Amino acid sequence: MEKFRGRVAVVTGASSGIGAQLAEDLVRAGLVVVGVARRRERLEALASSLSGLDGRLEVLQADLSSVDEVKRVFKWIDESLGGVTVLVNNAAICPITPTQDQELGVIESAVATNLTAMMVGSNLAVNNMKRFNIKDGHIININSVAGHKIMYSPGQDASVTTYTTTKHGAVAFSNALRFDVQRIHGFKIRVTSLSPGTVRTEMTSKWVEQLPKDRVLDPKDVSNAALYVLSCPTTVEISELTIQPQGESF
């Protein structure tokens, strides 16, 4: 990770769970991390807890379900920090209501947050890398095993159909983006889809309590996987990495 010291990383959904852990670990590795989330007070508390380290956390409040907000994030980065080396598309929401019972706005918000923001953010990040001549950039899309299988959450009236649909889209986008950036002459931008199994976060709190503790990943496990992916030589591209609790049955 030494090669990234002093460089800029963007982590979306950085106010809790996987995003907060990733933001912390990247700051500890010496990066300037732009933590993006809706809950500014959470981001500021995290930034305060990390003061005095080699890296730092820049707080940026934004609602990533809005394309204009995603554009605002990268405009601020362009003007304030310059080139982005690492983008971690982590922000996501997981409605657990069956499709036929969901409010249409919930479906729209999930698609916008989980997939559209990933695509728009990647577009803006790649163009930022080109503009600032960041030839070894890396985009990590925090995906899910739900992007590879049709998943149902525990509970008779629960469903993760919308979530798993967006995550299947994230798999397709990650694979396609990888081929797109290969066309940029002189650049070696890597793309990774990182797909965890069940992780103990606020988003999963409704059902992880039903599971044995050793059948649930910790956000630190996912962050460690992301740091491993980043630390590989530029000649190595981990296009897909799936991690699950030992013994997970799906």
Protein backbone atom coordinates (compact mmCIF):
# COMPACT_ATOMS: atom_id res chain seq x y z
CA MET A 1 0.00 0.00 0.00
CA GLU A 2 3.02 2.28 0.23
CA LYS A 3 2.62 3.33 -3.41
CA PHE A 4 -0.75 4.92 -2.57
CA ARG A 5 0.53 7.05 0.32
CA GLY A 6 -0.55 10.67 -0.15
CA ARG A 7 -2.87 9.86 -3.02
CA VAL A 8 -6.63 10.45 -3.19
CA ALA A 9 -9.24 7.76 -2.63
CA VAL A 10 -13.01 8.17 -2.77
CA VAL A 11 -15.23 5.92 -0.64
CA THR A 12 -18.99 6.18 -0.97
CA GLY A 13 -21.31 5.13 1.82
CA ALA A 14 -18.52 5.95 4.25
CA SER A 15 -20.63 6.79 7.30
CA SER A 16 -21.05 3.21 8.56
CA GLY A 17 -20.33 -0.46 7.98
CA ILE A 18 -17.99 -1.50 5.19
CA GLY A 19 -17.54 2.06 3.92
CA ALA A 20 -16.53 3.46 7.30
CA GLN A 21 -14.07 0.62 7.87
CA LEU A 22 -12.55 1.05 4.42
CA ALA A 23 -12.24 4.80 4.88
CA GLU A 24 -10.48 4.28 8.21
CA ASP A 25 -8.08 1.66 6.87
CA LEU A 26 -7.18 3.75 3.82
CA VAL A 27 -6.49 6.78 6.03
CA ARG A 28 -4.29 4.60 8.23
CA ALA A 29 -2.45 3.55 5.06
CA GLY A 30 -1.63 7.21 4.41
CA LEU A 31 -4.21 8.14 1.78
CA VAL A 32 -6.31 11.28 1.51
CA VAL A 33 -9.78 9.75 1.65
CA VAL A 34 -12.91 11.53 0.52
CA GLY A 35 -15.69 9.97 2.58
CA VAL A 36 -19.06 10.48 0.91
CA ALA A 37 -22.39 9.80 2.62
CA ARG A 38 -25.69 11.42 3.59
CA ARG A 39 -24.98 11.50 7.34
CA ARG A 40 -22.46 14.28 7.77
CA GLU A 41 -22.28 13.96 11.56
CA ARG A 42 -21.14 10.33 11.24
CA LEU A 43 -18.44 11.32 8.75
CA GLU A 44 -17.21 14.15 10.96
CA ALA A 45 -17.01 11.85 13.98
CA LEU A 46 -14.96 9.37 11.96
CA ALA A 47 -12.68 12.12 10.64
CA SER A 48 -12.11 13.37 14.20
CA SER A 49 -11.22 9.87 15.41
CA LEU A 50 -8.58 9.60 12.66
CA SER A 51 -6.87 12.95 13.21
CA GLY A 52 -3.12 12.84 13.67
CA LEU A 53 -2.53 9.99 11.22
CA ASP A 54 -0.45 10.22 8.04
CA GLY A 55 -3.60 10.23 5.93
CA ARG A 56 -6.79 12.19 6.47
CA LEU A 57 -10.51 11.94 5.87
CA GLU A 58 -12.19 14.70 3.89
CA VAL A 59 -15.91 14.85 4.70
CA LEU A 60 -18.34 15.32 1.83
CA GLN A 61 -22.06 15.03 2.42
CA ALA A 62 -24.08 13.93 -0.61
CA ASP A 63 -27.15 11.93 -1.57
CA LEU A 64 -25.80 9.57 -4.20
CA SER A 65 -29.26 8.67 -5.48
CA SER A 66 -29.01 12.00 -7.36
CA VAL A 67 -26.81 12.18 -10.46
CA ASP A 68 -26.34 15.90 -9.85
CA GLU A 69 -24.99 15.11 -6.37
CA VAL A 70 -22.50 12.59 -7.77
CA LYS A 71 -21.37 15.21 -10.27
CA ARG A 72 -20.98 17.74 -7.45
CA VAL A 73 -18.76 15.33 -5.52
CA PHE A 74 -16.32 14.92 -8.39
CA LYS A 75 -16.37 18.61 -9.29
CA TRP A 76 -15.30 19.37 -5.71
CA ILE A 77 -12.54 16.75 -5.91
CA ASP A 78 -11.29 18.12 -9.23
CA GLU A 79 -11.09 21.63 -7.83
CA SER A 80 -9.86 20.82 -4.32
CA LEU A 81 -7.70 17.70 -4.50
CA GLY A 82 -6.89 16.90 -8.12
CA GLY A 83 -6.48 13.36 -9.37
CA VAL A 84 -8.28 10.34 -7.94
CA THR A 85 -6.31 7.10 -7.70
CA VAL A 86 -8.85 4.86 -5.94
CA LEU A 87 -12.64 4.81 -6.16
CA VAL A 88 -14.61 2.47 -3.92
CA ASN A 89 -18.25 2.36 -4.96
CA ASN A 90 -19.77 1.08 -1.74
CA ALA A 91 -23.00 3.00 -1.11
CA ALA A 92 -26.09 0.79 -1.26
CA ILE A 93 -29.54 0.33 0.18
CA CYS A 94 -31.44 -2.92 0.55
CA PRO A 95 -35.25 -2.79 0.59
CA ILE A 96 -36.69 -6.03 1.98
CA THR A 97 -40.27 -5.61 0.80
CA PRO A 98 -41.54 -7.81 -2.05
CA THR A 99 -41.58 -5.96 -5.36
CA GLN A 100 -45.36 -5.86 -5.61
CA ASP A 101 -45.59 -4.20 -2.18
CA GLN A 102 -42.81 -1.63 -2.59
CA GLU A 103 -43.48 2.02 -3.15
CA LEU A 104 -42.22 2.94 -6.59
CA GLY A 105 -39.96 5.59 -5.12
CA VAL A 106 -38.15 2.91 -3.11
CA ILE A 107 -37.38 0.93 -6.26
CA GLU A 108 -36.18 4.08 -8.00
CA SER A 109 -33.95 5.04 -5.05
CA ALA A 110 -32.39 1.56 -4.82
CA VAL A 111 -31.53 1.46 -8.52
CA ALA A 112 -30.16 5.02 -8.38
CA THR A 113 -28.03 4.41 -5.28
CA ASN A 114 -26.83 0.87 -5.97
CA LEU A 115 -26.26 1.01 -9.72
CA THR A 116 -26.64 4.43 -11.33
CA ALA A 117 -24.33 6.12 -8.81
CA MET A 118 -21.75 3.38 -9.42
CA MET A 119 -21.86 3.92 -13.18
CA VAL A 120 -21.85 7.72 -13.04
CA GLY A 121 -19.14 7.78 -10.36
CA SER A 122 -16.95 5.43 -12.38
CA ASN A 123 -17.44 7.55 -15.50
CA LEU A 124 -16.39 10.69 -13.64
CA ALA A 125 -13.50 8.96 -11.84
CA VAL A 126 -12.01 7.53 -15.05
CA ASN A 127 -12.20 10.91 -16.76
CA ASN A 128 -10.59 12.48 -13.69
CA MET A 129 -7.78 9.92 -13.91
CA LYS A 130 -7.26 10.77 -17.57
CA ARG A 131 -7.32 14.51 -16.90
CA PHE A 132 -4.76 14.28 -14.08
CA ASN A 133 -2.70 11.52 -15.72
CA ILE A 134 -3.33 8.93 -12.99
CA LYS A 135 -2.26 5.90 -15.00
CA ASP A 136 -2.52 3.27 -12.25
CA GLY A 137 -6.02 4.01 -10.92
CA HIS A 138 -8.21 1.35 -9.35
CA ILE A 139 -12.00 1.11 -9.12
CA ILE A 140 -13.47 -1.32 -6.60
CA ASN A 141 -17.19 -1.98 -6.76
CA ILE A 142 -18.46 -3.42 -3.50
CA ASN A 143 -20.85 -6.00 -4.82
CA SER A 144 -22.46 -9.01 -3.12
CA VAL A 145 -22.99 -12.73 -3.51
CA ALA A 146 -26.50 -11.51 -4.35
CA GLY A 147 -25.00 -10.29 -7.61
CA HIS A 148 -24.23 -13.87 -8.61
CA LYS A 149 -27.29 -15.73 -7.34
CA ILE A 150 -30.98 -14.99 -6.94
CA MET A 151 -31.27 -14.31 -3.22
CA TYR A 152 -34.15 -14.20 -0.76
CA SER A 153 -33.77 -12.78 2.72
CA PRO A 154 -35.01 -14.81 5.72
CA GLY A 155 -38.61 -14.21 6.71
CA GLN A 156 -41.90 -15.07 5.10
CA ASP A 157 -42.69 -11.51 4.02
CA ALA A 158 -39.15 -10.39 3.21
CA SER A 159 -37.57 -10.12 -0.22
CA VAL A 160 -34.31 -8.70 -1.56
CA THR A 161 -35.40 -8.85 -5.20
CA THR A 162 -34.62 -5.18 -5.88
CA TYR A 163 -31.23 -5.43 -4.18
CA THR A 164 -30.17 -8.61 -5.95
CA THR A 165 -31.27 -7.16 -9.29
CA THR A 166 -29.08 -4.09 -8.82
CA LYS A 167 -26.15 -6.27 -7.75
CA HIS A 168 -26.48 -8.45 -10.85
CA GLY A 169 -26.25 -5.20 -12.77
CA ALA A 170 -23.13 -4.30 -10.81
CA VAL A 171 -21.47 -7.57 -11.89
CA ALA A 172 -22.23 -6.84 -15.54
CA PHE A 173 -21.06 -3.24 -15.25
CA SER A 174 -17.81 -4.17 -13.51
CA ASN A 175 -16.94 -6.69 -16.22
CA ALA A 176 -17.82 -4.27 -19.03
CA LEU A 177 -15.99 -1.34 -17.42
CA ARG A 178 -12.86 -3.44 -17.17
CA PHE A 179 -12.81 -3.87 -20.94
CA ASP A 180 -13.64 -0.21 -21.56
CA VAL A 181 -10.70 1.14 -19.56
CA GLN A 182 -8.32 -1.24 -21.33
CA ARG A 183 -8.87 0.89 -24.44
CA ILE A 184 -7.30 3.95 -22.82
CA HIS A 185 -3.81 4.06 -24.33
CA GLY A 186 -0.98 4.28 -21.81
CA PHE A 187 -3.18 3.69 -18.77
CA LYS A 188 -3.48 0.60 -16.57
CA ILE A 189 -6.70 1.24 -14.67
CA ARG A 190 -7.86 -1.84 -12.79
CA VAL A 191 -11.45 -2.78 -11.96
CA THR A 192 -12.50 -5.18 -9.21
CA SER A 193 -15.90 -6.50 -8.24
CA LEU A 194 -15.68 -7.45 -4.55
CA SER A 195 -18.59 -9.66 -3.52
CA PRO A 196 -19.03 -10.41 0.19
CA GLY A 197 -21.46 -12.85 1.69
CA THR A 198 -23.39 -11.80 4.79
CA VAL A 199 -21.70 -8.92 6.61
CA ARG A 200 -22.68 -7.48 9.98
CA THR A 201 -23.76 -3.91 9.15
CA GLU A 202 -26.68 -1.61 9.80
CA MET A 203 -28.18 -2.68 6.49
CA THR A 204 -28.24 -6.35 7.45
CA SER A 205 -29.18 -5.89 11.09
CA LYS A 206 -32.75 -7.10 10.48
CA TRP A 207 -31.64 -10.65 9.82
CA VAL A 208 -28.03 -11.25 10.92
CA GLU A 209 -29.10 -11.60 14.55
CA GLN A 210 -30.74 -14.88 13.52
CA LEU A 211 -27.39 -16.28 12.37
CA PRO A 212 -24.51 -17.79 14.36
CA LYS A 213 -21.73 -15.24 14.94
CA ASP A 214 -19.23 -17.33 13.00
CA ARG A 215 -21.48 -17.29 9.93
CA VAL A 216 -21.31 -13.50 9.50
CA LEU A 217 -18.40 -11.45 8.14
CA ASP A 218 -17.15 -8.32 9.87
CA PRO A 219 -16.66 -5.12 7.83
CA LYS A 220 -12.96 -5.48 8.62
CA ASP A 221 -12.91 -8.73 6.62
CA VAL A 222 -14.18 -6.90 3.55
CA SER A 223 -11.79 -4.01 4.06
CA ASN A 224 -8.86 -6.42 4.34
CA ALA A 225 -9.92 -7.97 1.03
CA ALA A 226 -10.04 -4.55 -0.61
CA LEU A 227 -6.59 -3.65 0.71
CA TYR A 228 -5.24 -6.94 -0.63
CA VAL A 229 -6.69 -6.20 -4.07
CA LEU A 230 -5.15 -2.72 -4.06
CA SER A 231 -1.76 -3.97 -2.89
CA CYS A 232 -1.30 -6.37 -5.80
CA PRO A 233 1.26 -5.36 -8.44
CA THR A 234 -0.14 -3.37 -11.36
CA THR A 235 0.45 -6.44 -13.51
CA VAL A 236 -2.18 -8.28 -11.44
CA GLU A 237 -5.87 -7.48 -11.80
CA ILE A 238 -8.35 -9.26 -9.55
CA SER A 239 -11.50 -8.81 -11.58
CA GLU A 240 -13.77 -10.69 -9.15
CA LEU A 241 -13.22 -11.61 -5.51
CA THR A 242 -15.95 -13.36 -3.54
CA ILE A 243 -15.54 -13.77 0.22
CA GLN A 244 -18.01 -15.55 2.51
CA PRO A 245 -18.17 -16.72 6.08
CA GLN A 246 -16.86 -20.27 6.29
CA GLY A 247 -19.80 -22.62 5.92
CA GLU A 248 -22.22 -20.10 4.42
CA SER A 249 -24.72 -22.19 2.47
CA PHE A 250 -25.39 -19.98 -0.55
